[in-house]
């Protein structure tokens, strides 16, 4: 029982010692962080501008495209990819494996 108590004491002591650097790390001010500047009461707060989206630019006008056009483009893309896969299966070569696709939907 004494051995268990000693092991428990040293474990808790070690945990306390190791928690000090983590506590100091959490309480330290960050280098880039600054205290918020006080604004004069007469001025309104600046409006945050949202960043542009990943796939589309906010400033670009969106043109509605009929669903039938999208479906036909996707079907053409699938047909081209299936033909490329079939030609690779029939005669697999490194050239066919790394050949660019003919589909306009690929970057």
C-alpha atoms as a PDB file:
ATOM      1  CA  UNK A   1       0.000   0.000   0.000  1.00  0.00           C
ATOM      2  CA  UNK A   2       2.865   2.354   0.761  1.00  0.00           C
ATOM      3  CA  UNK A   3       4.380   1.664  -2.643  1.00  0.00           C
ATOM      4  CA  UNK A   4       1.083   2.563  -4.338  1.00  0.00           C
ATOM      5  CA  UNK A   5       0.855   5.813  -2.358  1.00  0.00           C
ATOM      6  CA  UNK A   6       4.418   6.770  -3.310  1.00  0.00           C
ATOM      7  CA  UNK A   7       3.742   6.033  -7.000  1.00  0.00           C
ATOM      8  CA  UNK A   8       0.538   8.087  -6.856  1.00  0.00           C
ATOM      9  CA  UNK A   9       2.345  10.974  -5.154  1.00  0.00           C
ATOM     10  CA  UNK A  10       5.129  11.049  -7.736  1.00  0.00           C
ATOM     11  CA  UNK A  11       2.617  10.812 -10.586  1.00  0.00           C
ATOM     12  CA  UNK A  12       0.616  13.753  -9.281  1.00  0.00           C
ATOM     13  CA  UNK A  13       3.800  15.698  -8.546  1.00  0.00           C
ATOM     14  CA  UNK A  14       5.043  15.088 -12.102  1.00  0.00           C
ATOM     15  CA  UNK A  15       1.676  16.090 -13.532  1.00  0.00           C
ATOM     16  CA  UNK A  16       1.740  19.324 -11.555  1.00  0.00           C
ATOM     17  CA  UNK A  17       5.277  20.130 -12.702  1.00  0.00           C
ATOM     18  CA  UNK A  18       4.446  19.391 -16.352  1.00  0.00           C
ATOM     19  CA  UNK A  19       1.241  21.436 -16.275  1.00  0.00           C
ATOM     20  CA  UNK A  20       3.126  24.647 -15.412  1.00  0.00           C
ATOM     21  CA  UNK A  21       4.592  25.170 -18.947  1.00  0.00           C
ATOM     22  CA  UNK A  22       1.189  24.539 -20.522  1.00  0.00           C
ATOM     23  CA  UNK A  23      -0.448  27.020 -18.166  1.00  0.00           C
ATOM     24  CA  UNK A  24       2.232  29.606 -18.978  1.00  0.00           C
ATOM     25  CA  UNK A  25       1.778  28.974 -22.689  1.00  0.00           C
ATOM     26  CA  UNK A  26      -1.953  29.556 -22.454  1.00  0.00           C
ATOM     27  CA  UNK A  27      -1.663  32.739 -20.404  1.00  0.00           C
ATOM     28  CA  UNK A  28       1.097  34.401 -22.471  1.00  0.00           C
ATOM     29  CA  UNK A  29      -0.043  37.125 -24.873  1.00  0.00           C
ATOM     30  CA  UNK A  30       0.417  36.221 -28.513  1.00  0.00           C
ATOM     31  CA  UNK A  31       2.906  38.164 -30.642  1.00  0.00           C
ATOM     32  CA  UNK A  32       0.429  39.227 -33.340  1.00  0.00           C
ATOM     33  CA  UNK A  33      -2.442  39.925 -30.949  1.00  0.00           C
ATOM     34  CA  UNK A  34      -3.015  43.511 -29.972  1.00  0.00           C
ATOM     35  CA  UNK A  35      -5.536  45.074 -27.700  1.00  0.00           C
ATOM     36  CA  UNK A  36      -8.494  46.418 -29.645  1.00  0.00           C
ATOM     37  CA  UNK A  37      -8.119  50.103 -30.310  1.00  0.00           C
ATOM     38  CA  UNK A  38     -10.751  52.294 -28.780  1.00  0.00           C
ATOM     39  CA  UNK A  39     -12.975  53.898 -31.400  1.00  0.00           C
ATOM     40  CA  UNK A  40     -14.373  57.385 -31.019  1.00  0.00           C
ATOM     41  CA  UNK A  41     -18.058  57.260 -30.226  1.00  0.00           C
ATOM     42  CA  UNK A  42     -19.050  59.499 -33.143  1.00  0.00           C
ATOM     43  CA  UNK A  43     -17.647  57.190 -35.859  1.00  0.00           C
ATOM     44  CA  UNK A  44     -19.484  54.031 -36.919  1.00  0.00           C
ATOM     45  CA  UNK A  45     -17.554  50.786 -36.831  1.00  0.00           C
ATOM     46  CA  UNK A  46     -16.090  49.707 -40.201  1.00  0.00           C
ATOM     47  CA  UNK A  47     -18.020  47.058 -42.087  1.00  0.00           C
ATOM     48  CA  UNK A  48     -16.203  43.755 -42.590  1.00  0.00           C
ATOM     49  CA  UNK A  49     -15.776  42.789 -46.236  1.00  0.00           C
ATOM     50  CA  UNK A  50     -16.301  39.120 -46.973  1.00  0.00           C
ATOM     51  CA  UNK A  51     -13.465  37.450 -48.889  1.00  0.00           C
ATOM     52  CA  UNK A  52     -14.119  36.060 -52.336  1.00  0.00           C
ATOM     53  CA  UNK A  53     -15.324  32.498 -52.539  1.00  0.00           C
ATOM     54  CA  UNK A  54     -13.083  29.607 -53.509  1.00  0.00           C
ATOM     55  CA  UNK A  55     -14.973  28.444 -56.607  1.00  0.00           C
ATOM     56  CA  UNK A  56     -16.590  31.692 -57.715  1.00  0.00           C
ATOM     57  CA  UNK A  57     -15.754  35.351 -57.540  1.00  0.00           C
ATOM     58  CA  UNK A  58     -18.363  37.506 -55.821  1.00  0.00           C
ATOM     59  CA  UNK A  59     -17.960  40.248 -58.383  1.00  0.00           C
ATOM     60  CA  UNK A  60     -18.588  37.992 -61.400  1.00  0.00           C
ATOM     61  CA  UNK A  61     -22.179  38.072 -62.632  1.00  0.00           C
ATOM     62  CA  UNK A  62     -23.992  34.763 -62.351  1.00  0.00           C
ATOM     63  CA  UNK A  63     -25.721  33.669 -65.525  1.00  0.00           C
ATOM     64  CA  UNK A  64     -28.492  31.106 -65.036  1.00  0.00           C
ATOM     65  CA  UNK A  65     -27.847  27.941 -67.021  1.00  0.00           C
ATOM     66  CA  UNK A  66     -30.661  25.510 -67.812  1.00  0.00           C
ATOM     67  CA  UNK A  67     -30.412  22.136 -66.101  1.00  0.00           C
ATOM     68  CA  UNK A  68     -30.594  20.298 -69.434  1.00  0.00           C
ATOM     69  CA  UNK A  69     -27.384  22.000 -70.596  1.00  0.00           C
ATOM     70  CA  UNK A  70     -25.578  20.999 -67.401  1.00  0.00           C
ATOM     71  CA  UNK A  71     -26.818  17.419 -67.659  1.00  0.00           C
ATOM     72  CA  UNK A  72     -25.674  17.143 -71.286  1.00  0.00           C
ATOM     73  CA  UNK A  73     -22.204  18.500 -70.426  1.00  0.00           C
ATOM     74  CA  UNK A  74     -21.862  16.029 -67.554  1.00  0.00           C
ATOM     75  CA  UNK A  75     -23.008  13.156 -69.790  1.00  0.00           C
ATOM     76  CA  UNK A  76     -20.408  14.149 -72.420  1.00  0.00           C
ATOM     77  CA  UNK A  77     -17.732  14.261 -69.752  1.00  0.00           C
ATOM     78  CA  UNK A  78     -18.699  10.811 -68.438  1.00  0.00           C
ATOM     79  CA  UNK A  79     -18.730   9.410 -71.978  1.00  0.00           C
ATOM     80  CA  UNK A  80     -15.222  10.743 -72.663  1.00  0.00           C
ATOM     81  CA  UNK A  81     -13.888   9.412 -69.359  1.00  0.00           C
ATOM     82  CA  UNK A  82     -15.434   5.983 -69.969  1.00  0.00           C
ATOM     83  CA  UNK A  83     -13.885   5.860 -73.459  1.00  0.00           C
ATOM     84  CA  UNK A  84     -10.481   6.768 -72.007  1.00  0.00           C
ATOM     85  CA  UNK A  85     -10.824   4.070 -69.347  1.00  0.00           C
ATOM     86  CA  UNK A  86     -11.884   1.489 -71.943  1.00  0.00           C
ATOM     87  CA  UNK A  87      -8.897   2.282 -74.178  1.00  0.00           C
ATOM     88  CA  UNK A  88      -6.568   1.972 -71.178  1.00  0.00           C
ATOM     89  CA  UNK A  89      -8.070  -1.381 -70.149  1.00  0.00           C
ATOM     90  CA  UNK A  90      -7.700  -2.739 -73.696  1.00  0.00           C
ATOM     91  CA  UNK A  91      -4.024  -1.787 -73.946  1.00  0.00           C
ATOM     92  CA  UNK A  92      -2.548  -0.426 -70.709  1.00  0.00           C
ATOM     93  CA  UNK A  93       0.508   1.762 -71.229  1.00  0.00           C
ATOM     94  CA  UNK A  94       2.132   4.477 -69.167  1.00  0.00           C
ATOM     95  CA  UNK A  95       1.434   6.959 -71.965  1.00  0.00           C
ATOM     96  CA  UNK A  96      -2.326   6.275 -71.813  1.00  0.00           C
ATOM     97  CA  UNK A  97      -2.303   6.366 -68.029  1.00  0.00           C
ATOM     98  CA  UNK A  98      -0.823   9.864 -67.906  1.00  0.00           C
ATOM     99  CA  UNK A  99      -2.484  11.243 -71.040  1.00  0.00           C
ATOM    100  CA  UNK A 100      -4.598  14.362 -70.508  1.00  0.00           C
ATOM    101  CA  UNK A 101      -8.331  13.978 -70.926  1.00  0.00           C
ATOM    102  CA  UNK A 102     -10.222  15.535 -73.803  1.00  0.00           C
ATOM    103  CA  UNK A 103     -13.081  16.656 -71.569  1.00  0.00           C
ATOM    104  CA  UNK A 104     -13.537  20.427 -71.243  1.00  0.00           C
ATOM    105  CA  UNK A 105     -14.751  19.999 -67.618  1.00  0.00           C
ATOM    106  CA  UNK A 106     -11.284  19.104 -66.345  1.00  0.00           C
ATOM    107  CA  UNK A 107      -9.022  21.974 -65.250  1.00  0.00           C
END
